Amino acid sequence: LNLCGYWYFLHRVKMVDRWKAGDKAVVEAEWENRGVAPAYHSFQLKLRLDGTTTIDLDAIESGNCRWNPSENGETFQEKYVVKLPAGVESGTYTLKLKLYSPDANRDVKLALKRDRRDEAGYYTIGAIRVE
């Protein structure tokens, strides 16, 4: 079914490995659309930190309407500014993300290994340290 429309691949995510509670951080992502059409509705990027507690960060416009299909493997670079709430407990957290369609009220599945996806639809990206 993904081949009939958009089909998103997340190639890489780049970020600093230490975040400070109350500050902003930048998360860079490289996306590819291997489908045959762009999305006509904007999707949100949702980020979650899992550690001693679970913290859902504010949803961010993903930029997905710009990710046009390409036969030559063209990728799209996005920079997301993330605000980490003040008072987040110090420690190591697992950063997770997902795309979400507010119009359809559903998650958008990504072309990533199934074992990276949890029961809430988030994909594990890596560890970060909150100070």
N, C-alpha and C. Protein backbone atom coordinates (compact mmCIF):
# COMPACT_ATOMS: atom_id res chain seq x y z
N LEU A 1 0.82 -1.19 0.00
CA LEU A 1 0.00 0.00 0.00
C LEU A 1 0.87 1.27 0.00
N ASN A 2 2.00 1.24 0.71
CA ASN A 2 2.85 2.42 0.75
C ASN A 2 3.34 2.82 -0.64
N LEU A 3 3.50 1.85 -1.53
CA LEU A 3 3.97 2.17 -2.88
C LEU A 3 2.94 2.94 -3.69
N CYS A 4 1.69 2.99 -3.23
CA CYS A 4 0.63 3.73 -3.92
C CYS A 4 0.66 5.21 -3.54
N GLY A 5 1.39 5.59 -2.52
CA GLY A 5 1.44 6.99 -2.08
C GLY A 5 2.82 7.33 -1.58
N TYR A 6 2.90 7.79 -0.35
CA TYR A 6 4.19 8.12 0.26
C TYR A 6 4.67 6.92 1.07
N TRP A 7 5.98 6.82 1.17
CA TRP A 7 6.61 5.72 1.91
C TRP A 7 7.90 6.27 2.49
N TYR A 8 7.89 6.61 3.78
CA TYR A 8 8.97 7.35 4.40
C TYR A 8 10.03 6.46 5.01
N PHE A 9 11.27 6.78 4.66
CA PHE A 9 12.45 6.13 5.23
C PHE A 9 13.22 7.19 6.01
N LEU A 10 13.58 6.86 7.23
CA LEU A 10 14.41 7.74 8.05
C LEU A 10 15.83 7.21 7.94
N HIS A 11 16.70 7.97 7.27
CA HIS A 11 18.08 7.52 7.05
C HIS A 11 18.98 7.73 8.26
N ARG A 12 18.87 8.90 8.87
CA ARG A 12 19.71 9.15 10.04
C ARG A 12 19.14 10.30 10.86
N VAL A 13 19.52 10.27 12.13
CA VAL A 13 19.16 11.32 13.07
C VAL A 13 20.45 11.77 13.73
N LYS A 14 20.62 13.08 13.81
CA LYS A 14 21.83 13.65 14.40
C LYS A 14 21.41 14.61 15.51
N MET A 15 22.07 14.50 16.65
CA MET A 15 21.78 15.37 17.78
C MET A 15 22.95 15.33 18.75
N VAL A 16 23.00 16.29 19.63
CA VAL A 16 24.01 16.23 20.69
C VAL A 16 23.58 15.15 21.67
N ASP A 17 24.53 14.54 22.35
CA ASP A 17 24.18 13.44 23.25
C ASP A 17 23.85 13.89 24.66
N ARG A 18 23.95 15.20 24.91
CA ARG A 18 23.60 15.73 26.23
C ARG A 18 22.65 16.92 26.05
N TRP A 19 21.51 16.84 26.72
CA TRP A 19 20.54 17.92 26.70
C TRP A 19 20.44 18.49 28.10
N LYS A 20 20.10 19.77 28.18
CA LYS A 20 19.96 20.42 29.47
C LYS A 20 18.47 20.74 29.69
N ALA A 21 17.97 20.34 30.83
CA ALA A 21 16.57 20.62 31.16
C ALA A 21 16.31 22.12 31.08
N GLY A 22 15.20 22.49 30.45
CA GLY A 22 14.84 23.89 30.29
C GLY A 22 15.40 24.55 29.05
N ASP A 23 16.30 23.91 28.35
CA ASP A 23 16.93 24.48 27.15
C ASP A 23 16.34 23.86 25.88
N LYS A 24 16.77 24.45 24.77
CA LYS A 24 16.39 23.92 23.46
C LYS A 24 17.54 23.10 22.90
N ALA A 25 17.19 22.11 22.11
CA ALA A 25 18.18 21.29 21.41
C ALA A 25 17.72 21.16 19.96
N VAL A 26 18.67 20.86 19.09
CA VAL A 26 18.35 20.66 17.67
C VAL A 26 18.49 19.18 17.34
N VAL A 27 17.47 18.66 16.70
CA VAL A 27 17.49 17.29 16.20
C VAL A 27 17.42 17.39 14.67
N GLU A 28 18.42 16.84 14.00
CA GLU A 28 18.45 16.84 12.54
C GLU A 28 18.08 15.45 12.04
N ALA A 29 17.23 15.42 11.02
CA ALA A 29 16.80 14.14 10.47
C ALA A 29 16.91 14.17 8.94
N GLU A 30 17.27 13.02 8.38
CA GLU A 30 17.36 12.87 6.93
C GLU A 30 16.28 11.88 6.49
N TRP A 31 15.34 12.36 5.68
CA TRP A 31 14.17 11.60 5.26
C TRP A 31 14.21 11.30 3.76
N GLU A 32 13.58 10.20 3.37
CA GLU A 32 13.40 9.86 1.96
C GLU A 32 11.97 9.37 1.76
N ASN A 33 11.37 9.77 0.65
CA ASN A 33 10.05 9.29 0.27
C ASN A 33 10.21 8.37 -0.94
N ARG A 34 10.07 7.07 -0.73
CA ARG A 34 10.20 6.11 -1.82
C ARG A 34 8.86 5.75 -2.43
N GLY A 35 7.84 6.47 -2.10
CA GLY A 35 6.52 6.23 -2.69
C GLY A 35 6.41 6.85 -4.07
N VAL A 36 5.19 7.04 -4.53
CA VAL A 36 4.97 7.61 -5.86
C VAL A 36 4.28 8.96 -5.79
N ALA A 37 4.00 9.45 -4.59
CA ALA A 37 3.31 10.73 -4.43
C ALA A 37 3.76 11.39 -3.13
N PRO A 38 3.65 12.71 -3.09
CA PRO A 38 3.90 13.40 -1.82
C PRO A 38 2.66 13.28 -0.93
N ALA A 39 2.82 13.57 0.33
CA ALA A 39 1.66 13.64 1.22
C ALA A 39 0.98 14.98 0.99
N TYR A 40 -0.32 14.99 1.08
CA TYR A 40 -1.08 16.23 0.89
C TYR A 40 -1.50 16.85 2.21
N HIS A 41 -1.21 16.16 3.30
CA HIS A 41 -1.53 16.66 4.64
C HIS A 41 -0.26 16.66 5.47
N SER A 42 -0.13 17.68 6.29
CA SER A 42 1.05 17.80 7.15
C SER A 42 0.98 16.80 8.30
N PHE A 43 2.13 16.21 8.59
CA PHE A 43 2.24 15.30 9.71
C PHE A 43 3.10 15.96 10.79
N GLN A 44 2.86 15.56 12.01
CA GLN A 44 3.64 16.06 13.13
C GLN A 44 4.70 15.05 13.51
N LEU A 45 5.83 15.57 13.94
CA LEU A 45 6.87 14.73 14.53
C LEU A 45 6.66 14.77 16.03
N LYS A 46 6.49 13.59 16.61
CA LYS A 46 6.34 13.49 18.06
C LYS A 46 7.58 12.82 18.62
N LEU A 47 8.12 13.41 19.68
CA LEU A 47 9.31 12.89 20.34
C LEU A 47 8.97 12.51 21.77
N ARG A 48 9.59 11.43 22.21
CA ARG A 48 9.37 10.93 23.57
C ARG A 48 10.71 10.58 24.17
N LEU A 49 10.87 10.90 25.45
CA LEU A 49 12.04 10.47 26.22
C LEU A 49 11.56 9.42 27.21
N ASP A 50 12.17 8.25 27.16
CA ASP A 50 11.85 7.17 28.10
C ASP A 50 13.05 6.96 29.01
N GLY A 51 12.81 7.06 30.30
CA GLY A 51 13.88 6.84 31.28
C GLY A 51 13.24 6.52 32.60
N THR A 52 13.68 7.24 33.64
CA THR A 52 13.06 7.03 34.95
C THR A 52 11.59 7.44 34.90
N THR A 53 11.26 8.29 33.97
CA THR A 53 9.90 8.71 33.69
C THR A 53 9.75 8.85 32.18
N THR A 54 8.54 8.98 31.70
CA THR A 54 8.30 9.17 30.27
C THR A 54 7.89 10.62 30.04
N ILE A 55 8.57 11.28 29.10
CA ILE A 55 8.31 12.68 28.80
C ILE A 55 7.96 12.79 27.33
N ASP A 56 6.74 13.25 27.04
CA ASP A 56 6.34 13.53 25.67
C ASP A 56 6.59 15.00 25.40
N LEU A 57 7.42 15.29 24.41
CA LEU A 57 7.74 16.67 24.05
C LEU A 57 6.67 17.21 23.12
N ASP A 58 6.63 18.53 22.98
CA ASP A 58 5.64 19.16 22.10
C ASP A 58 5.80 18.66 20.67
N ALA A 59 4.68 18.43 20.00
CA ALA A 59 4.70 18.00 18.60
C ALA A 59 5.26 19.13 17.73
N ILE A 60 5.96 18.73 16.67
CA ILE A 60 6.63 19.66 15.76
C ILE A 60 6.16 19.37 14.34
N GLU A 61 5.97 20.40 13.54
CA GLU A 61 5.66 20.21 12.12
C GLU A 61 6.84 19.47 11.48
N SER A 62 6.57 18.34 10.83
CA SER A 62 7.65 17.49 10.32
C SER A 62 8.28 17.99 9.03
N GLY A 63 7.51 18.72 8.21
CA GLY A 63 8.02 19.15 6.90
C GLY A 63 7.74 18.14 5.81
N ASN A 64 6.94 17.12 6.09
CA ASN A 64 6.73 16.00 5.17
C ASN A 64 6.13 16.38 3.82
N CYS A 65 5.42 17.48 3.73
CA CYS A 65 4.82 17.87 2.43
C CYS A 65 5.89 18.27 1.41
N ARG A 66 7.11 18.52 1.87
CA ARG A 66 8.23 18.85 0.97
C ARG A 66 8.97 17.61 0.48
N TRP A 67 8.71 16.45 1.08
CA TRP A 67 9.46 15.24 0.77
C TRP A 67 8.86 14.56 -0.45
N ASN A 68 9.21 15.06 -1.61
CA ASN A 68 8.68 14.49 -2.85
C ASN A 68 9.36 13.18 -3.20
N PRO A 69 8.64 12.29 -3.85
CA PRO A 69 9.25 11.02 -4.28
C PRO A 69 10.39 11.28 -5.26
N SER A 70 11.35 10.39 -5.25
CA SER A 70 12.50 10.53 -6.14
C SER A 70 12.98 9.16 -6.56
N GLU A 71 13.28 9.04 -7.82
CA GLU A 71 13.81 7.77 -8.33
C GLU A 71 15.30 7.62 -8.07
N ASN A 72 15.98 8.73 -7.76
CA ASN A 72 17.43 8.67 -7.57
C ASN A 72 17.84 8.70 -6.10
N GLY A 73 16.90 8.47 -5.19
CA GLY A 73 17.24 8.39 -3.77
C GLY A 73 17.47 9.73 -3.09
N GLU A 74 16.89 10.81 -3.63
CA GLU A 74 17.04 12.13 -3.03
C GLU A 74 16.50 12.10 -1.60
N THR A 75 17.23 12.73 -0.69
CA THR A 75 16.80 12.81 0.69
C THR A 75 16.55 14.26 1.07
N PHE A 76 15.85 14.43 2.16
CA PHE A 76 15.47 15.76 2.63
C PHE A 76 15.94 15.93 4.07
N GLN A 77 16.66 17.02 4.30
CA GLN A 77 17.21 17.31 5.61
C GLN A 77 16.25 18.22 6.36
N GLU A 78 15.93 17.86 7.57
CA GLU A 78 15.08 18.69 8.42
C GLU A 78 15.79 18.95 9.74
N LYS A 79 15.63 20.17 10.24
CA LYS A 79 16.15 20.53 11.55
C LYS A 79 14.95 20.88 12.43
N TYR A 80 14.87 20.20 13.54
CA TYR A 80 13.78 20.42 14.48
C TYR A 80 14.34 20.99 15.77
N VAL A 81 13.74 22.07 16.24
CA VAL A 81 14.14 22.66 17.52
C VAL A 81 13.21 22.09 18.59
N VAL A 82 13.83 21.45 19.57
CA VAL A 82 13.11 20.75 20.62
C VAL A 82 13.31 21.50 21.93
N LYS A 83 12.22 21.76 22.63
CA LYS A 83 12.29 22.42 23.94
C LYS A 83 12.10 21.35 25.01
N LEU A 84 13.13 21.17 25.81
CA LEU A 84 13.07 20.21 26.92
C LEU A 84 12.54 20.96 28.15
N PRO A 85 11.46 20.49 28.75
CA PRO A 85 10.89 21.21 29.90
C PRO A 85 11.89 21.33 31.06
N ALA A 86 11.74 22.41 31.80
CA ALA A 86 12.55 22.58 33.02
C ALA A 86 12.10 21.55 34.03
N GLY A 87 12.99 21.15 34.87
CA GLY A 87 12.63 20.22 35.94
C GLY A 87 12.67 18.76 35.55
N VAL A 88 13.11 18.46 34.33
CA VAL A 88 13.25 17.06 33.93
C VAL A 88 14.39 16.46 34.75
N GLU A 89 14.14 15.32 35.33
CA GLU A 89 15.12 14.65 36.17
C GLU A 89 16.35 14.27 35.37
N SER A 90 17.53 14.51 35.93
CA SER A 90 18.78 14.13 35.27
C SER A 90 18.83 12.62 35.10
N GLY A 91 19.49 12.20 34.03
CA GLY A 91 19.65 10.77 33.80
C GLY A 91 19.75 10.47 32.32
N THR A 92 19.85 9.19 32.01
CA THR A 92 19.93 8.73 30.63
C THR A 92 18.53 8.33 30.17
N TYR A 93 18.15 8.82 29.00
CA TYR A 93 16.84 8.55 28.43
C TYR A 93 17.01 7.95 27.04
N THR A 94 16.02 7.21 26.62
CA THR A 94 15.96 6.72 25.25
C THR A 94 15.09 7.68 24.47
N LEU A 95 15.64 8.23 23.38
CA LEU A 95 14.87 9.12 22.51
C LEU A 95 14.10 8.27 21.52
N LYS A 96 12.81 8.54 21.41
CA LYS A 96 11.93 7.84 20.47
C LYS A 96 11.17 8.88 19.66
N LEU A 97 10.77 8.49 18.45
CA LEU A 97 10.00 9.40 17.62
C LEU A 97 8.95 8.65 16.82
N LYS A 98 7.99 9.42 16.32
CA LYS A 98 7.01 8.90 15.38
C LYS A 98 6.41 10.06 14.60
N LEU A 99 5.86 9.75 13.43
CA LEU A 99 5.07 10.71 12.67
C LEU A 99 3.61 10.47 13.00
N TYR A 100 2.86 11.56 13.07
CA TYR A 100 1.46 11.48 13.44
C TYR A 100 0.64 12.36 12.52
N SER A 101 -0.50 11.84 12.06
CA SER A 101 -1.42 12.59 11.22
C SER A 101 -2.57 13.10 12.07
N PRO A 102 -2.60 14.42 12.39
CA PRO A 102 -3.72 14.93 13.17
C PRO A 102 -5.03 14.86 12.39
N ASP A 103 -4.98 15.01 11.06
CA ASP A 103 -6.20 14.96 10.25
C ASP A 103 -6.86 13.58 10.32
N ALA A 104 -6.04 12.53 10.27
CA ALA A 104 -6.57 11.16 10.30
C ALA A 104 -6.58 10.58 11.72
N ASN A 105 -6.02 11.32 12.67
CA ASN A 105 -5.94 10.87 14.06
C ASN A 105 -5.28 9.49 14.16
N ARG A 106 -4.11 9.37 13.50
CA ARG A 106 -3.40 8.08 13.52
C ARG A 106 -1.91 8.31 13.30
N ASP A 107 -1.14 7.30 13.70
CA ASP A 107 0.30 7.32 13.44
C ASP A 107 0.57 6.98 11.99
N VAL A 108 1.70 7.47 11.48
CA VAL A 108 2.16 7.15 10.13
C VAL A 108 3.33 6.19 10.30
N LYS A 109 3.19 4.98 9.80
CA LYS A 109 4.27 4.00 9.96
C LYS A 109 5.45 4.38 9.08
N LEU A 110 6.64 4.12 9.62
CA LEU A 110 7.89 4.40 8.92
C LEU A 110 8.53 3.10 8.47
N ALA A 111 9.37 3.20 7.46
CA ALA A 111 10.10 2.03 6.98
C ALA A 111 11.34 1.83 7.85
N LEU A 112 11.10 1.35 9.06
CA LEU A 112 12.16 1.01 10.01
C LEU A 112 11.87 -0.39 10.53
N LYS A 113 12.88 -1.04 11.08
CA LYS A 113 12.70 -2.39 11.60
C LYS A 113 11.60 -2.42 12.66
N ARG A 114 10.77 -3.44 12.59
CA ARG A 114 9.64 -3.57 13.51
C ARG A 114 10.07 -3.61 14.96
N ASP A 115 11.24 -4.17 15.24
CA ASP A 115 11.66 -4.28 16.64
C ASP A 115 12.06 -2.92 17.22
N ARG A 116 12.15 -1.90 16.40
CA ARG A 116 12.43 -0.54 16.89
C ARG A 116 11.15 0.17 17.33
N ARG A 117 9.98 -0.40 16.97
CA ARG A 117 8.68 0.23 17.24
C ARG A 117 8.08 -0.34 18.53
N ASP A 118 7.68 0.55 19.44
CA ASP A 118 7.08 0.08 20.68
C ASP A 118 5.56 0.02 20.57
N GLU A 119 4.91 -0.36 21.66
CA GLU A 119 3.45 -0.53 21.66
C GLU A 119 2.69 0.77 21.46
N ALA A 120 3.35 1.92 21.69
CA ALA A 120 2.72 3.23 21.48
C ALA A 120 3.01 3.79 20.08
N GLY A 121 3.74 3.02 19.26
CA GLY A 121 4.03 3.46 17.89
C GLY A 121 5.29 4.29 17.74
N TYR A 122 6.06 4.44 18.81
CA TYR A 122 7.31 5.20 18.75
C TYR A 122 8.47 4.30 18.33
N TYR A 123 9.38 4.87 17.54
CA TYR A 123 10.57 4.15 17.09
C TYR A 123 11.76 4.61 17.92
N THR A 124 12.54 3.66 18.43
CA THR A 124 13.72 3.96 19.22
C THR A 124 14.82 4.52 18.34
N ILE A 125 15.39 5.66 18.75
CA ILE A 125 16.46 6.31 17.98
C ILE A 125 17.81 6.14 18.67
N GLY A 126 17.88 6.42 19.95
CA GLY A 126 19.14 6.30 20.66
C GLY A 126 19.05 6.90 22.05
N ALA A 127 20.18 6.91 22.74
CA ALA A 127 20.22 7.40 24.12
C ALA A 127 20.72 8.83 24.16
N ILE A 128 20.17 9.60 25.09
CA ILE A 128 20.66 10.94 25.38
C ILE A 128 20.78 11.09 26.89
N ARG A 129 21.60 11.99 27.29
CA ARG A 129 21.81 12.28 28.71
C ARG A 129 21.18 13.65 29.00
N VAL A 130 20.31 13.71 29.99
CA VAL A 130 19.71 14.97 30.43
C VAL A 130 20.43 15.42 31.69
N GLU A 131 20.86 16.66 31.69
CA GLU A 131 21.57 17.23 32.85
C GLU A 131 20.80 18.37 33.46
